[in-house]
N, C-alpha and C. Protein backbone atom coordinates (compact mmCIF):
# COMPACT_ATOMS: atom_id res chain seq x y z
N UNK A 1 20.76 157.99 137.36
CA UNK A 1 21.07 157.85 136.00
C UNK A 1 20.74 156.31 135.73
N UNK A 2 20.26 156.16 134.57
CA UNK A 2 20.16 154.63 134.21
C UNK A 2 20.84 154.28 132.97
N UNK A 3 21.35 153.36 132.69
CA UNK A 3 21.94 152.84 131.55
C UNK A 3 21.46 151.41 130.98
N UNK A 4 20.85 151.36 129.83
CA UNK A 4 20.46 150.10 129.32
C UNK A 4 21.32 149.72 128.03
N UNK A 5 21.91 148.43 128.18
CA UNK A 5 22.76 147.93 127.09
C UNK A 5 22.06 146.82 126.62
N UNK A 6 21.81 147.06 125.19
CA UNK A 6 20.95 146.02 124.45
C UNK A 6 22.02 145.48 123.52
N UNK A 7 22.10 144.05 123.54
CA UNK A 7 23.09 143.38 122.52
C UNK A 7 22.08 142.28 121.84
N UNK A 8 22.66 141.86 120.69
CA UNK A 8 22.17 140.84 119.94
C UNK A 8 22.85 139.54 120.19
N UNK A 9 22.24 138.75 120.83
CA UNK A 9 23.09 137.38 121.06
C UNK A 9 23.77 137.56 122.31
N UNK A 10 24.11 136.43 123.02
CA UNK A 10 24.85 136.39 124.20
C UNK A 10 26.28 136.37 123.85
N UNK A 11 27.26 136.81 124.83
CA UNK A 11 28.56 136.86 124.62
C UNK A 11 29.13 135.32 124.73
N UNK A 12 29.78 134.79 123.79
CA UNK A 12 30.37 133.51 123.85
C UNK A 12 31.64 133.34 124.45
N UNK A 13 32.46 134.25 124.22
CA UNK A 13 33.86 133.92 124.75
C UNK A 13 33.84 134.19 126.47
N UNK A 14 34.32 133.13 127.15
CA UNK A 14 34.36 133.45 128.65
C UNK A 14 35.25 134.55 129.00
N UNK A 15 36.23 135.05 128.36
CA UNK A 15 36.84 136.35 128.70
C UNK A 15 36.21 137.37 128.60
N UNK A 16 35.16 137.63 127.66
CA UNK A 16 34.47 138.84 127.53
C UNK A 16 33.22 138.68 128.58
N UNK A 17 32.83 137.41 128.87
CA UNK A 17 31.66 137.24 129.87
C UNK A 17 32.35 137.73 131.07
N UNK A 18 33.49 137.37 131.55
CA UNK A 18 34.06 137.92 132.83
C UNK A 18 34.29 139.37 132.84
N UNK A 19 34.71 140.06 131.65
CA UNK A 19 34.90 141.46 131.66
C UNK A 19 33.38 142.02 131.79
N UNK A 20 32.37 141.55 131.21
CA UNK A 20 31.10 142.25 131.39
C UNK A 20 30.59 142.21 132.84
N UNK A 21 30.90 141.09 133.50
CA UNK A 21 30.36 140.84 134.88
C UNK A 21 31.10 141.72 135.84
N UNK A 22 32.44 141.81 135.55
CA UNK A 22 33.30 142.91 136.42
C UNK A 22 32.86 144.23 136.07
N UNK A 23 32.76 144.60 134.81
CA UNK A 23 32.33 146.13 134.68
C UNK A 23 31.01 146.35 135.15
N UNK A 24 29.99 145.59 135.16
CA UNK A 24 28.75 145.58 135.47
C UNK A 24 28.73 145.92 137.22
N UNK A 25 29.58 145.09 137.69
CA UNK A 25 29.67 144.97 139.20
C UNK A 25 30.40 146.44 139.75
N UNK A 26 31.33 146.89 138.98
CA UNK A 26 31.80 148.19 139.24
C UNK A 26 30.92 149.27 139.10
N UNK A 27 30.26 149.29 137.75
CA UNK A 27 29.40 150.51 137.57
C UNK A 27 28.09 150.60 138.25
N UNK A 28 27.58 149.42 138.73
CA UNK A 28 26.35 149.48 139.47
C UNK A 28 26.58 150.18 140.96
N UNK A 29 27.72 150.37 141.19
CA UNK A 29 27.89 151.14 142.50
C UNK A 29 27.24 152.81 142.38
N UNK A 30 27.59 153.13 141.02
CA UNK A 30 27.17 154.70 140.82
C UNK A 30 25.85 154.95 140.01
N UNK A 31 25.52 153.85 139.08
CA UNK A 31 24.30 153.96 138.35
C UNK A 31 23.59 152.70 138.23
N UNK A 32 22.35 152.88 137.55
CA UNK A 32 21.53 151.53 137.40
C UNK A 32 22.01 150.98 136.02
N UNK A 33 22.41 149.80 135.96
CA UNK A 33 22.79 149.22 134.51
C UNK A 33 21.89 148.05 134.30
N UNK A 34 21.31 148.05 133.20
CA UNK A 34 20.27 147.08 132.81
C UNK A 34 20.82 146.54 131.40
N UNK A 35 21.11 145.07 131.39
CA UNK A 35 21.56 144.56 130.12
C UNK A 35 20.52 143.74 129.60
N UNK A 36 20.06 143.99 128.30
CA UNK A 36 19.02 143.21 127.61
C UNK A 36 19.75 142.55 126.43
N UNK A 37 19.36 141.24 126.30
CA UNK A 37 20.01 140.40 125.23
C UNK A 37 18.80 140.25 124.19
N UNK A 38 18.95 140.63 122.85
CA UNK A 38 17.80 140.12 122.11
C UNK A 38 18.36 138.81 121.22
N UNK A 39 17.44 138.05 121.26
CA UNK A 39 17.79 136.55 120.88
C UNK A 39 17.95 136.61 119.38
N UNK A 40 19.30 135.96 119.03
CA UNK A 40 19.60 135.87 117.65
C UNK A 40 19.15 134.70 116.96
N UNK A 41 18.73 133.66 117.73
CA UNK A 41 18.44 132.17 117.00
C UNK A 41 17.64 132.30 115.93
N UNK A 42 16.47 132.99 115.98
CA UNK A 42 15.49 133.19 114.89
C UNK A 42 15.99 134.03 113.70
N UNK A 43 16.77 134.78 114.13
CA UNK A 43 17.49 135.79 112.98
C UNK A 43 18.54 135.01 112.21
N UNK A 44 19.22 134.29 112.90
CA UNK A 44 20.27 133.64 112.11
C UNK A 44 20.00 132.89 111.03
N UNK A 45 18.70 132.26 111.09
CA UNK A 45 18.43 131.42 109.85
C UNK A 45 17.99 132.07 108.72
N UNK A 46 17.91 133.43 108.61
CA UNK A 46 17.55 134.09 107.50
C UNK A 46 18.87 134.21 106.64
N UNK A 47 18.75 134.26 105.41
CA UNK A 47 19.86 134.29 104.45
C UNK A 47 20.39 135.70 104.08
N UNK A 48 19.36 136.32 103.86
CA UNK A 48 19.63 137.67 103.26
C UNK A 48 20.21 138.61 104.51
N UNK A 49 21.35 139.08 104.35
CA UNK A 49 22.13 139.95 105.50
C UNK A 49 21.24 141.22 105.82
N UNK A 50 20.87 141.74 104.67
CA UNK A 50 20.13 143.19 104.84
C UNK A 50 18.68 142.61 105.71
N UNK A 51 18.01 141.68 105.34
CA UNK A 51 16.88 141.25 106.10
C UNK A 51 17.13 140.90 107.82
N UNK A 52 18.43 140.28 107.73
CA UNK A 52 18.92 139.95 109.15
C UNK A 52 19.01 141.32 109.82
N UNK A 53 19.63 142.30 109.27
CA UNK A 53 19.98 143.57 110.02
C UNK A 53 18.73 144.41 110.36
N UNK A 54 17.64 144.22 109.29
CA UNK A 54 16.25 144.91 109.50
C UNK A 54 15.62 144.24 110.76
N UNK A 55 15.65 142.76 110.87
CA UNK A 55 14.93 142.18 111.80
C UNK A 55 15.79 142.58 113.34
N UNK A 56 17.00 142.80 113.36
CA UNK A 56 17.90 143.02 114.47
C UNK A 56 17.37 144.48 114.89
N UNK A 57 17.25 145.35 114.14
CA UNK A 57 17.04 146.72 114.17
C UNK A 57 15.73 146.83 114.89
N UNK A 58 14.71 146.09 114.28
CA UNK A 58 13.32 146.05 114.93
C UNK A 58 13.37 145.63 116.38
N UNK A 59 13.97 144.42 116.59
CA UNK A 59 13.97 143.91 117.92
C UNK A 59 14.78 144.82 119.04
N UNK A 60 15.87 145.51 118.38
CA UNK A 60 16.29 146.48 119.29
C UNK A 60 15.55 147.51 119.61
N UNK A 61 14.81 148.22 118.60
CA UNK A 61 13.93 149.39 118.89
C UNK A 61 12.88 149.12 119.77
N UNK A 62 12.43 147.77 119.75
CA UNK A 62 11.26 147.50 120.56
C UNK A 62 11.61 147.51 122.06
N UNK A 63 12.94 147.49 122.20
CA UNK A 63 13.46 147.47 123.69
C UNK A 63 13.64 148.90 124.16
N UNK A 64 13.67 150.08 123.33
CA UNK A 64 13.84 151.36 123.63
C UNK A 64 12.79 152.16 123.84
N UNK A 65 12.60 152.71 124.88
CA UNK A 65 11.25 153.57 125.45
C UNK A 65 11.49 154.96 124.69
N UNK A 66 10.60 155.72 124.58
CA UNK A 66 10.45 156.91 123.99
C UNK A 66 11.16 157.94 125.19
N UNK A 67 11.96 158.89 124.57
CA UNK A 67 12.58 159.67 125.62
C UNK A 67 13.86 159.35 126.08
N UNK A 68 14.39 158.16 125.53
CA UNK A 68 15.58 157.78 126.00
C UNK A 68 16.64 158.12 124.92
N UNK A 69 17.86 158.36 125.36
CA UNK A 69 18.92 158.48 124.23
C UNK A 69 19.38 157.37 123.74
N UNK A 70 19.95 157.29 122.56
CA UNK A 70 20.42 156.00 121.90
C UNK A 70 21.82 156.31 121.26
N UNK A 71 22.78 155.42 121.83
CA UNK A 71 24.12 155.42 121.49
C UNK A 71 24.23 154.17 120.66
N UNK A 72 24.83 153.97 119.62
CA UNK A 72 25.06 152.56 118.73
C UNK A 72 26.46 152.49 118.73
N UNK A 73 26.85 151.17 118.97
CA UNK A 73 28.38 150.85 118.91
C UNK A 73 28.31 149.65 117.91
N UNK A 74 29.31 149.57 117.17
CA UNK A 74 29.34 148.39 116.23
C UNK A 74 30.58 147.59 116.40
């Protein structure tokens, strides 16, 4: 089994970075985990929040292959 986690922007808080590393280390023993970070720098300069969400959606969907299941968390 393979799991792909796609996030917009990097995790900034050290606590959450350590938690991500620990979880990745533990789960990688059982499944292949791939983490993909979609760059938010070019998106954050846009003023319209709806436009930002559309751009983020497009960037995320480009990282998803056909036939993959999609679970969205907010």
